[in-house]
Amino acid sequence: MRIIVATTNKKKFKEMQRILEREGIKAVFPEERIEVEERGNSFLENACIKAEAYYEYFNTPVIADDSGLVVDALDGYPGIYSSRFYSLEFGGKEKLIGSPDVVNVKKLLKLLKGQKNRKARFVAVVFFRGKEAGVFASAECEGIILEEPRGDKGFGYDPVFQPLGFDKSMAELEPWEKDSISHRGKALKKLSLLLKSCGKLL
């Protein structure tokens, strides 16, 4: 099974490719970059928008992911705005100097400074679009936000997110450890089971 992954983020693609290949699915990075406006109000809406846009352009089966960090003390932010949190008026805009990941984490830690409630969760929705129809799966990973970044194996908010039951940040876990508990890993495994049971979607 060969499926295009609807993303321009190579780090996210590598992670999804690693997970999907364990499920017997060959993940392919798009040959061309297409711009998609994520205008949805939920992770599911945005994943669907991306999947439809890539399917229409490439006319081949697609998997799209929309995911983010939901922080209780910030009323659910960054949420669907996780990748561009630094640019939001909420909490004050941050200048983009260097990597967006670094600036997003900097803003997050600034807003949580002195906050005792550091509960958070990663949320992922993965949406498959094939010739017949679409199907999706979702999953979460509960944890807390650390006081400072730790580790260099992940990306995004991984360095400041400690999953429940671990004493390491997500960025300190080995890839196989992360994949077994992460929001994206669990969602993709659910999706692969759905695809295998509904082969007609391809």
Protein backbone atom coordinates (compact mmCIF):
# COMPACT_ATOMS: atom_id res chain seq x y z
CA MET A 1 0.00 0.00 0.00
CA ARG A 2 1.53 3.33 -1.15
CA ILE A 3 0.13 6.54 0.28
CA ILE A 4 1.22 10.19 0.04
CA VAL A 5 1.59 11.96 3.38
CA ALA A 6 0.04 15.43 3.17
CA THR A 7 2.75 17.49 4.84
CA THR A 8 5.65 19.80 4.08
CA ASN A 9 7.21 19.12 7.50
CA LYS A 10 10.01 16.62 6.89
CA LYS A 11 10.42 15.79 10.58
CA LYS A 12 6.73 14.94 10.85
CA PHE A 13 6.95 12.93 7.63
CA LYS A 14 9.89 10.88 8.89
CA GLU A 15 7.97 10.02 12.05
CA MET A 16 4.81 9.08 10.14
CA GLN A 17 6.82 7.08 7.62
CA ARG A 18 8.50 5.11 10.41
CA ILE A 19 5.17 4.28 12.04
CA LEU A 20 3.31 3.47 8.82
CA GLU A 21 6.05 1.20 7.48
CA ARG A 22 5.68 -0.97 10.59
CA GLU A 23 2.03 -1.31 9.57
CA GLY A 24 2.94 -2.37 6.04
CA ILE A 25 2.13 1.00 4.44
CA LYS A 26 4.66 2.75 2.20
CA ALA A 27 4.57 6.47 3.01
CA VAL A 28 5.67 8.87 0.27
CA PHE A 29 6.75 12.51 0.64
CA PRO A 30 4.94 14.81 -1.84
CA GLU A 31 6.97 15.54 -4.97
CA GLU A 32 5.56 19.05 -5.14
CA ARG A 33 4.77 21.54 -2.39
CA ILE A 34 1.17 22.74 -2.31
CA GLU A 35 -0.16 25.44 -0.03
CA VAL A 36 -3.25 24.54 2.00
CA GLU A 37 -5.08 27.05 4.19
CA GLU A 38 -5.96 25.34 7.46
CA ARG A 39 -9.22 27.19 8.00
CA GLY A 40 -10.93 24.56 10.12
CA ASN A 41 -12.05 24.97 13.73
CA SER A 42 -10.88 21.54 14.87
CA PHE A 43 -8.08 19.03 14.31
CA LEU A 44 -10.50 16.85 12.32
CA GLU A 45 -11.60 19.68 10.02
CA ASN A 46 -8.01 20.67 9.28
CA ALA A 47 -6.92 17.07 8.64
CA CYS A 48 -9.85 16.63 6.26
CA ILE A 49 -9.06 19.90 4.43
CA LYS A 50 -5.44 18.84 3.89
CA ALA A 51 -6.34 15.32 2.79
CA GLU A 52 -8.91 16.57 0.26
CA ALA A 53 -6.53 19.19 -1.15
CA TYR A 54 -3.69 16.71 -1.64
CA TYR A 55 -6.00 14.04 -3.07
CA GLU A 56 -7.43 16.45 -5.63
CA TYR A 57 -3.95 17.60 -6.65
CA PHE A 58 -2.16 14.23 -6.82
CA ASN A 59 -5.18 11.97 -7.51
CA THR A 60 -3.73 9.23 -5.33
CA PRO A 61 -4.48 7.97 -1.78
CA VAL A 62 -3.45 10.42 0.93
CA ILE A 63 -3.02 10.49 4.70
CA ALA A 64 -3.14 13.87 6.42
CA ASP A 65 -2.39 14.62 10.04
CA ASP A 66 -3.45 17.55 12.15
CA SER A 67 -2.13 17.58 15.66
CA GLY A 68 -1.20 19.87 18.48
CA LEU A 69 -0.67 20.54 22.15
CA VAL A 70 -3.64 21.28 24.40
CA VAL A 71 -2.71 22.94 27.71
CA ASP A 72 -5.32 23.10 30.49
CA ALA A 73 -4.02 26.28 32.11
CA LEU A 74 -4.12 28.09 28.74
CA ASP A 75 -7.77 27.24 28.02
CA GLY A 76 -6.76 24.65 25.44
CA TYR A 77 -4.18 26.72 23.60
CA PRO A 78 -2.06 26.32 21.53
CA GLY A 79 -4.43 23.61 20.19
CA ILE A 80 -5.02 23.80 16.44
CA TYR A 81 -2.67 26.80 16.33
CA SER A 82 0.29 24.84 17.75
CA SER A 83 2.58 25.29 14.74
CA ARG A 84 2.07 29.05 14.65
CA PHE A 85 1.46 29.77 18.33
CA TYR A 86 4.21 32.42 18.36
CA SER A 87 2.20 34.56 15.89
CA LEU A 88 -1.08 34.63 17.84
CA GLU A 89 -2.31 37.67 19.73
CA PHE A 90 -3.17 35.28 22.59
CA GLY A 91 -0.42 35.71 25.16
CA GLY A 92 1.34 38.26 22.98
CA LYS A 93 3.09 37.80 19.66
CA GLU A 94 6.71 36.62 19.59
CA LYS A 95 9.21 37.61 16.91
CA LEU A 96 10.18 34.70 14.70
CA ILE A 97 13.93 34.46 15.17
CA GLY A 98 15.28 31.10 14.07
CA SER A 99 13.13 27.98 14.32
CA PRO A 100 9.34 28.31 14.85
CA ASP A 101 9.59 25.29 17.18
CA VAL A 102 12.01 27.13 19.47
CA VAL A 103 9.94 30.33 19.50
CA ASN A 104 6.70 28.42 20.16
CA VAL A 105 8.27 26.65 23.14
CA LYS A 106 9.68 29.93 24.43
CA LYS A 107 6.21 31.51 24.38
CA LEU A 108 4.62 28.48 26.01
CA LEU A 109 7.08 28.44 28.90
CA LYS A 110 6.73 32.19 29.39
CA LEU A 111 2.94 31.90 29.70
CA LEU A 112 3.24 28.99 32.14
CA LYS A 113 5.88 30.61 34.35
CA GLY A 114 4.82 30.17 37.99
CA GLN A 115 1.80 28.08 36.98
CA LYS A 116 1.24 25.02 39.17
CA ASN A 117 -1.26 23.36 36.82
CA ARG A 118 0.96 22.09 34.01
CA LYS A 119 -1.34 19.35 32.71
CA ALA A 120 -1.38 19.00 28.94
CA ARG A 121 -2.05 16.53 26.19
CA PHE A 122 -1.00 15.99 22.63
CA VAL A 123 -3.91 15.38 20.25
CA ALA A 124 -3.70 13.90 16.76
CA VAL A 125 -6.29 13.27 14.05
CA VAL A 126 -5.20 11.37 10.95
CA PHE A 127 -7.45 11.36 7.89
CA PHE A 128 -7.20 8.98 4.93
CA ARG A 129 -8.66 9.95 1.56
CA GLY A 130 -8.95 7.26 -1.08
CA LYS A 131 -10.83 6.83 -4.34
CA GLU A 132 -14.03 5.69 -2.66
CA ALA A 133 -14.23 7.68 0.58
CA GLY A 134 -12.43 8.99 3.63
CA VAL A 135 -11.85 7.59 7.09
CA PHE A 136 -10.16 9.02 10.18
CA ALA A 137 -8.76 8.07 13.57
CA SER A 138 -7.74 10.11 16.59
CA ALA A 139 -5.70 9.65 19.75
CA GLU A 140 -4.23 11.57 22.67
CA CYS A 141 -1.16 11.41 24.89
CA GLU A 142 -1.49 12.85 28.40
CA GLY A 143 1.37 14.51 30.23
CA ILE A 144 2.74 17.67 31.82
CA ILE A 145 4.74 20.66 30.61
CA LEU A 146 8.27 20.78 32.01
CA GLU A 147 9.95 23.92 33.32
CA GLU A 148 12.60 23.83 30.60
CA PRO A 149 13.39 21.88 27.39
CA ARG A 150 15.12 18.50 27.64
CA GLY A 151 16.33 16.19 24.91
CA ASP A 152 17.01 16.49 21.20
CA LYS A 153 15.31 13.46 19.64
CA GLY A 154 11.93 15.02 18.94
CA PHE A 155 10.51 18.16 17.37
CA GLY A 156 7.84 20.74 18.08
CA TYR A 157 6.89 20.76 21.77
CA ASP A 158 8.50 17.37 22.48
CA PRO A 159 11.37 18.82 24.57
CA VAL A 160 8.98 20.31 27.15
CA PHE A 161 6.35 17.55 27.21
CA GLN A 162 6.71 14.71 29.73
CA PRO A 163 4.26 11.84 29.09
CA LEU A 164 2.43 10.36 32.06
CA GLY A 165 4.32 7.42 33.55
CA PHE A 166 7.71 8.64 32.30
CA ASP A 167 10.50 10.67 33.87
CA LYS A 168 11.76 11.79 30.46
CA SER A 169 10.56 14.38 28.00
CA MET A 170 9.16 13.17 24.68
CA ALA A 171 12.39 14.40 23.09
CA GLU A 172 14.46 12.15 25.38
CA LEU A 173 12.65 8.97 24.34
CA GLU A 174 13.99 6.63 21.69
CA PRO A 175 11.89 6.69 18.48
CA TRP A 176 10.32 3.29 19.17
CA GLU A 177 9.40 4.38 22.71
CA LYS A 178 7.78 7.57 21.45
CA ASP A 179 5.88 5.80 18.68
CA SER A 180 4.35 3.33 21.13
CA ILE A 181 2.77 6.03 23.32
CA SER A 182 2.50 9.15 21.18
CA HIS A 183 -0.76 10.64 19.96
CA ARG A 184 0.34 10.30 16.35
CA GLY A 185 1.63 6.76 16.78
CA LYS A 186 -1.62 5.56 18.34
CA ALA A 187 -3.80 7.37 15.80
CA LEU A 188 -1.88 5.95 12.82
CA LYS A 189 -2.09 2.43 14.21
CA LYS A 190 -5.86 2.80 14.59
CA LEU A 191 -6.10 4.14 11.05
CA SER A 192 -4.05 1.29 9.59
CA LEU A 193 -6.42 -1.23 11.18
CA LEU A 194 -9.39 0.58 9.64
CA LEU A 195 -7.74 0.59 6.22
CA LYS A 196 -6.92 -3.10 6.39
CA SER A 197 -10.52 -3.91 7.26
CA CYS A 198 -11.92 -1.59 4.56
CA GLY A 199 -9.69 -2.31 1.56
CA LYS A 200 -12.33 -1.01 -0.83
CA LEU A 201 -11.49 2.56 0.25
CA LEU A 202 -8.20 2.40 -1.62
